[in-house]
Amino acid sequence: MLNDLQEIERLKKEENAIILAHNYQTSDIQEIADFVGDSLELCIKALEIEESDVVVFCGVDFMAETAAILNPCKKILIPDMGSKCPMAQMLHAEEIRKAKNRHPDAAVVLYVNSLAEAKAEADILCTSANAVQVVESLPHDKVLFGPDRNLAWYVSQRVNKTIIPIPEDGHCYVHKMFHLGDLHFLREEYPDAEILVHPECDREVQEAADHVLSTGGMIHHVAQSIQKTFIVGTELDMITRLRRENPDKTFIPALNEAICENMKLHTVEKVKNCLLNEEVVVQVDENIANRAKLAIKRMVEVSKN
């Protein structure tokens, strides 16, 4: 009898499937994935899928929705439909339309961590890796930016434009767990370590860090750095990938409790079952998908420049 891993490999060949996984997935999911990346890398990968007929997306709902928007003729599966991003749920299309009415001269830049209905209202999307680049690419002096307030603040410090967060309190519950006191304690305990934090962290945490980076940025920075020890302020399983790719370096979590429970709903068994039963299929309304696709493709084009 085949074990789960062998069965997944068999089903992938049988269904002509590919598995995509976010950096925050557990080690066993990262190991069975054909591609592991941050939100920008996964967007680009989803746009480039040609040969596969089925995509299993091990991430939260907005990521699978993005893959479905970019691949309307392919079957996009998510192992556990309960894997929803709480931040994405904080901003709906109606709130964006109201903000547009209040600020008709502003561009709308949405974090990819948003619902498909919200993406359809955006001029362009961004990720934490390219948010500054995207905002700078626009001719507008005023930008409505959502749903993460901390990323909006991060961008506002790096561009000469007015950044208006929508909603006012949008946030990632995992990155809100990090506190300045944690970093001060770790800095004293590991004085030679570099502190890397994600731009979804609170302002004071960003200001106390050595580098504020997306998960993809962390991977690149660590690979190029002569430093040997890093304190990492993002979701705990980011360290799983960093350790795997940099076995000669030491990674210390800024907080062991920084776990995205929504991401962790996916398991190897659920991946196997979703391939076996070809469920749950992620679908997006065609009108919403067509409008959202324009914003996604604009982001990818900016990122390639």
Protein backbone atom coordinates (compact mmCIF):
# COMPACT_ATOMS: atom_id res chain seq x y z
CA MET A 1 0.00 0.00 0.00
CA LEU A 2 1.27 3.46 -0.90
CA ASN A 3 1.90 5.93 1.91
CA ASP A 4 0.51 9.49 1.70
CA LEU A 5 3.60 10.93 0.03
CA GLN A 6 3.73 8.20 -2.58
CA GLU A 7 0.01 8.55 -3.20
CA ILE A 8 0.38 12.32 -3.68
CA GLU A 9 3.11 11.78 -6.26
CA ARG A 10 0.94 9.22 -8.07
CA LEU A 11 -2.07 11.53 -8.07
CA LYS A 12 -0.03 14.50 -9.25
CA LYS A 13 1.06 12.54 -12.32
CA GLU A 14 -2.41 11.15 -12.91
CA GLU A 15 -4.12 14.55 -12.61
CA ASN A 16 -1.26 16.55 -14.16
CA ALA A 17 -1.17 18.63 -10.98
CA ILE A 18 1.25 21.03 -9.32
CA ILE A 19 1.42 21.97 -5.62
CA LEU A 20 2.16 25.57 -4.63
CA ALA A 21 2.85 26.49 -1.01
CA HIS A 22 3.46 29.68 0.94
CA ASN A 23 6.55 30.18 3.11
CA TYR A 24 4.37 29.93 6.23
CA GLN A 25 3.35 26.33 5.57
CA THR A 26 4.69 23.57 7.83
CA SER A 27 7.83 21.69 6.87
CA ASP A 28 5.98 18.60 5.58
CA ILE A 29 3.86 20.75 3.24
CA GLN A 30 6.90 22.71 2.05
CA GLU A 31 8.67 19.44 1.28
CA ILE A 32 5.89 18.04 -0.94
CA ALA A 33 5.36 21.33 -2.79
CA ASP A 34 6.67 21.88 -6.29
CA PHE A 35 7.17 25.55 -5.50
CA VAL A 36 7.41 27.48 -2.22
CA GLY A 37 7.39 31.26 -2.14
CA ASP A 38 6.05 34.54 -0.83
CA SER A 39 2.90 36.22 -2.14
CA LEU A 40 4.64 37.95 -5.06
CA GLU A 41 6.53 34.83 -6.11
CA LEU A 42 3.34 32.77 -5.91
CA CYS A 43 1.45 35.34 -8.03
CA ILE A 44 4.13 35.22 -10.70
CA LYS A 45 4.26 31.42 -10.56
CA ALA A 46 0.47 31.21 -10.88
CA LEU A 47 0.63 33.48 -13.92
CA GLU A 48 3.25 31.23 -15.54
CA ILE A 49 1.47 27.90 -15.07
CA GLU A 50 0.96 26.37 -18.49
CA GLU A 51 1.46 22.64 -18.55
CA SER A 52 -0.44 21.67 -15.38
CA ASP A 53 -4.22 21.17 -15.44
CA VAL A 54 -4.70 21.19 -11.66
CA VAL A 55 -3.17 23.48 -9.03
CA VAL A 56 -3.27 22.60 -5.34
CA PHE A 57 -2.74 25.80 -3.37
CA CYS A 58 -1.43 25.41 0.16
CA GLY A 59 -1.97 28.90 1.48
CA VAL A 60 -4.89 31.06 2.60
CA ASP A 61 -8.00 31.82 0.55
CA PHE A 62 -6.89 35.00 -1.20
CA MET A 63 -3.84 33.19 -2.63
CA ALA A 64 -5.95 30.42 -4.13
CA GLU A 65 -8.41 33.04 -5.42
CA THR A 66 -5.54 34.84 -7.14
CA ALA A 67 -4.46 31.62 -8.83
CA ALA A 68 -8.06 31.03 -9.96
CA ILE A 69 -8.31 34.59 -11.36
CA LEU A 70 -5.11 34.10 -13.36
CA ASN A 71 -5.99 30.58 -14.53
CA PRO A 72 -9.72 30.45 -15.38
CA CYS A 73 -9.29 27.31 -17.48
CA LYS A 74 -7.49 25.34 -14.78
CA LYS A 75 -8.83 23.61 -11.71
CA ILE A 76 -7.60 25.37 -8.55
CA LEU A 77 -7.92 23.31 -5.37
CA ILE A 78 -7.39 24.28 -1.74
CA PRO A 79 -6.96 21.43 0.78
CA ASP A 80 -8.97 23.14 3.54
CA MET A 81 -11.53 25.80 2.63
CA GLY A 82 -11.40 27.08 6.21
CA SER A 83 -7.94 28.51 5.55
CA LYS A 84 -9.04 32.13 5.36
CA CYS A 85 -6.96 35.25 5.93
CA PRO A 86 -8.54 37.37 8.70
CA MET A 87 -6.83 40.49 7.33
CA ALA A 88 -8.40 40.01 3.89
CA GLN A 89 -11.83 39.79 5.55
CA MET A 90 -11.32 43.28 7.03
CA LEU A 91 -11.80 45.08 3.70
CA HIS A 92 -14.79 44.66 1.40
CA ALA A 93 -15.57 46.23 -1.95
CA GLU A 94 -18.21 48.60 -0.58
CA GLU A 95 -15.75 50.24 1.82
CA ILE A 96 -13.32 50.84 -1.05
CA ARG A 97 -16.05 52.42 -3.17
CA LYS A 98 -16.93 54.76 -0.29
CA ALA A 99 -13.25 55.71 0.12
CA LYS A 100 -13.02 56.43 -3.61
CA ASN A 101 -15.97 58.80 -3.32
CA ARG A 102 -14.24 60.62 -0.44
CA HIS A 103 -10.92 60.78 -2.34
CA PRO A 104 -11.68 60.85 -6.09
CA ASP A 105 -8.14 62.01 -6.88
CA ALA A 106 -6.48 59.01 -5.19
CA ALA A 107 -5.22 55.79 -6.71
CA VAL A 108 -6.25 52.53 -5.06
CA VAL A 109 -3.41 50.17 -4.18
CA LEU A 110 -4.43 46.96 -2.49
CA TYR A 111 -2.23 44.44 -0.78
CA VAL A 112 -2.56 41.06 -2.45
CA ASN A 113 -3.82 39.91 0.97
CA SER A 114 -7.33 40.97 0.00
CA LEU A 115 -10.57 39.41 -1.22
CA ALA A 116 -11.25 39.04 -4.94
CA GLU A 117 -14.17 41.49 -4.69
CA ALA A 118 -11.80 44.07 -3.21
CA LYS A 119 -9.10 43.44 -5.82
CA ALA A 120 -11.68 44.23 -8.51
CA GLU A 121 -11.89 47.80 -7.11
CA ALA A 122 -8.12 48.38 -7.19
CA ASP A 123 -6.02 50.20 -9.75
CA ILE A 124 -3.09 47.94 -8.95
CA LEU A 125 -2.08 45.36 -6.34
CA CYS A 126 1.11 45.03 -4.35
CA THR A 127 2.83 42.64 -1.97
CA SER A 128 5.08 43.45 0.96
CA ALA A 129 8.02 42.82 -1.39
CA ASN A 130 7.06 45.43 -3.99
CA ALA A 131 4.68 47.85 -2.22
CA VAL A 132 7.06 50.83 -2.38
CA GLN A 133 7.90 50.14 -6.03
CA VAL A 134 4.21 49.87 -6.95
CA VAL A 135 3.23 53.12 -5.19
CA GLU A 136 6.16 54.98 -6.75
CA SER A 137 5.11 53.77 -10.21
CA LEU A 138 1.83 55.70 -10.00
CA PRO A 139 1.43 59.34 -11.10
CA HIS A 140 -0.96 60.07 -8.21
CA ASP A 141 0.12 62.08 -5.17
CA LYS A 142 -2.54 60.45 -3.01
CA VAL A 143 -3.01 56.70 -2.53
CA LEU A 144 -5.72 54.70 -0.81
CA PHE A 145 -3.87 51.69 0.59
CA GLY A 146 -5.31 48.60 2.26
CA PRO A 147 -6.00 46.45 4.08
CA ASP A 148 -2.84 46.40 6.25
CA ARG A 149 -2.27 49.61 8.20
CA ASN A 150 1.31 48.73 9.17
CA LEU A 151 2.35 48.08 5.57
CA ALA A 152 0.68 51.39 4.66
CA TRP A 153 2.84 53.11 7.30
CA TYR A 154 5.96 51.32 5.99
CA VAL A 155 5.25 52.62 2.48
CA SER A 156 4.47 56.14 3.73
CA GLN A 157 7.98 56.38 5.20
CA ARG A 158 9.58 55.60 1.85
CA VAL A 159 7.57 57.63 -0.67
CA ASN A 160 6.76 61.32 -1.03
CA LYS A 161 3.01 60.74 -1.29
CA THR A 162 -0.03 60.83 0.94
CA ILE A 163 -0.94 57.29 1.99
CA ILE A 164 -4.45 56.80 3.34
CA PRO A 165 -5.02 53.40 5.03
CA ILE A 166 -8.32 51.61 4.42
CA PRO A 167 -9.65 50.42 6.78
CA GLU A 168 -8.01 52.42 9.54
CA ASP A 169 -7.27 49.37 11.69
CA GLY A 170 -6.54 46.62 9.12
CA HIS A 171 -3.89 44.23 10.41
CA CYS A 172 -2.42 40.72 10.53
CA TYR A 173 -3.14 39.18 13.92
CA VAL A 174 0.11 37.20 13.84
CA HIS A 175 2.35 40.19 13.21
CA LYS A 176 0.49 42.21 15.85
CA MET A 177 1.84 39.70 18.40
CA PHE A 178 5.36 41.13 18.21
CA HIS A 179 6.25 43.77 20.79
CA LEU A 180 9.16 46.10 21.31
CA GLY A 181 10.03 44.48 24.65
CA ASP A 182 10.58 41.10 22.93
CA LEU A 183 13.13 42.64 20.57
CA HIS A 184 14.94 44.49 23.35
CA PHE A 185 15.24 41.27 25.35
CA LEU A 186 16.54 39.29 22.36
CA ARG A 187 18.94 42.08 21.37
CA GLU A 188 20.55 41.82 24.81
CA GLU A 189 20.66 38.02 24.70
CA TYR A 190 22.03 37.83 21.14
CA PRO A 191 24.01 41.08 20.61
CA ASP A 192 25.63 39.82 17.39
CA ALA A 193 22.34 38.86 15.73
CA GLU A 194 20.55 40.84 13.05
CA ILE A 195 16.86 41.48 13.66
CA LEU A 196 14.63 40.95 10.62
CA VAL A 197 10.94 41.81 10.82
CA HIS A 198 8.03 41.88 8.40
CA PRO A 199 6.38 45.21 7.41
CA GLU A 200 3.07 43.92 8.78
CA CYS A 201 4.57 44.40 12.26
CA ASP A 202 3.69 47.48 14.30
CA ARG A 203 5.57 50.72 13.66
CA GLU A 204 7.71 50.58 16.82
CA VAL A 205 8.76 47.00 16.02
CA GLN A 206 9.78 48.02 12.50
CA GLU A 207 11.77 50.95 13.87
CA ALA A 208 13.66 48.71 16.31
CA ALA A 209 14.68 46.14 13.69
CA ASP A 210 17.84 46.09 11.60
CA HIS A 211 15.90 45.27 8.45
CA VAL A 212 12.20 45.33 7.51
CA LEU A 213 11.68 42.73 4.79
CA SER A 214 9.07 40.61 3.06
CA THR A 215 9.51 36.86 3.48
CA GLY A 216 11.12 36.71 0.04
CA GLY A 217 13.34 39.61 1.04
CA MET A 218 14.38 37.75 4.18
CA ILE A 219 15.39 34.71 2.13
CA HIS A 220 17.48 36.83 -0.25
CA HIS A 221 19.06 38.90 2.53
CA VAL A 222 20.06 35.90 4.65
CA ALA A 223 21.57 34.10 1.64
CA GLN A 224 23.74 37.14 0.81
CA SER A 225 24.61 38.22 4.36
CA ILE A 226 27.91 37.50 6.11
CA GLN A 227 25.97 37.46 9.40
CA LYS A 228 25.56 34.07 11.04
CA THR A 229 22.73 34.71 13.51
CA PHE A 230 19.30 36.20 12.81
CA ILE A 231 16.29 37.03 14.97
CA VAL A 232 13.24 36.60 12.77
CA GLY A 233 10.02 38.53 13.37
CA THR A 234 7.38 36.89 11.23
CA GLU A 235 5.30 33.70 11.17
CA LEU A 236 7.19 30.88 12.85
CA ASP A 237 7.45 28.51 9.87
CA MET A 238 9.38 31.07 7.88
CA ILE A 239 12.29 29.81 9.94
CA THR A 240 11.64 26.31 8.61
CA ARG A 241 12.63 27.41 5.13
CA LEU A 242 15.46 29.65 6.28
CA ARG A 243 17.05 26.81 8.26
CA ARG A 244 16.64 24.36 5.40
CA GLU A 245 18.32 26.66 2.90
CA ASN A 246 20.99 28.01 5.29
CA PRO A 247 22.13 25.11 7.49
CA ASP A 248 25.29 26.99 8.50
CA LYS A 249 23.34 29.88 10.05
CA THR A 250 21.32 30.26 13.25
CA PHE A 251 17.73 31.52 13.32
CA ILE A 252 15.97 32.61 16.49
CA PRO A 253 12.22 33.25 16.43
CA ALA A 254 11.28 36.64 17.82
CA LEU A 255 8.21 34.92 19.23
CA ASN A 256 7.51 31.18 19.36
CA GLU A 257 3.76 31.83 19.50
CA ALA A 258 3.71 33.67 16.15
CA ILE A 259 1.70 31.01 14.35
CA CYS A 260 -0.94 31.58 11.69
CA GLU A 261 -3.50 28.95 12.63
CA ASN A 262 -5.31 29.53 9.34
CA MET A 263 -2.24 28.55 7.31
CA LYS A 264 -1.77 25.46 9.44
CA LEU A 265 -5.14 23.94 8.50
CA HIS A 266 -3.52 22.26 5.51
CA THR A 267 -2.02 18.82 6.12
CA VAL A 268 -0.40 16.19 3.92
CA GLU A 269 -3.50 14.01 4.28
CA LYS A 270 -5.76 16.88 3.17
CA VAL A 271 -3.52 17.51 0.16
CA LYS A 272 -3.83 13.85 -0.77
CA ASN A 273 -7.61 13.88 -0.33
CA CYS A 274 -8.14 17.03 -2.33
CA LEU A 275 -6.18 15.50 -5.23
CA LEU A 276 -8.05 12.24 -4.86
CA ASN A 277 -11.50 13.86 -4.81
CA GLU A 278 -10.59 17.00 -6.77
CA GLU A 279 -12.09 19.26 -4.13
CA VAL A 280 -12.40 21.96 -2.79
CA VAL A 281 -12.48 23.87 -6.11
CA VAL A 282 -11.83 27.61 -5.83
CA GLN A 283 -13.94 29.72 -8.16
CA VAL A 284 -14.31 33.46 -8.63
CA ASP A 285 -17.19 35.30 -10.29
CA GLU A 286 -16.18 36.01 -13.90
CA ASN A 287 -16.90 39.75 -13.78
CA ILE A 288 -14.94 40.17 -10.54
CA ALA A 289 -12.12 37.99 -11.86
CA ASN A 290 -11.74 39.98 -15.08
CA ARG A 291 -11.49 43.28 -13.20
CA ALA A 292 -9.15 41.88 -10.54
CA LYS A 293 -6.90 40.33 -13.18
CA LEU A 294 -6.04 43.77 -14.57
CA ALA A 295 -4.83 44.95 -11.15
CA ILE A 296 -2.79 41.76 -10.65
CA LYS A 297 -1.15 41.96 -14.05
CA ARG A 298 -0.27 45.63 -13.56
CA MET A 299 1.53 44.66 -10.35
CA VAL A 300 3.47 41.89 -12.06
CA GLU A 301 4.51 44.20 -14.89
CA VAL A 302 5.78 46.83 -12.43
CA SER A 303 7.67 44.13 -10.52
CA LYS A 304 9.45 42.98 -13.67
CA ASN A 305 10.75 46.48 -14.46
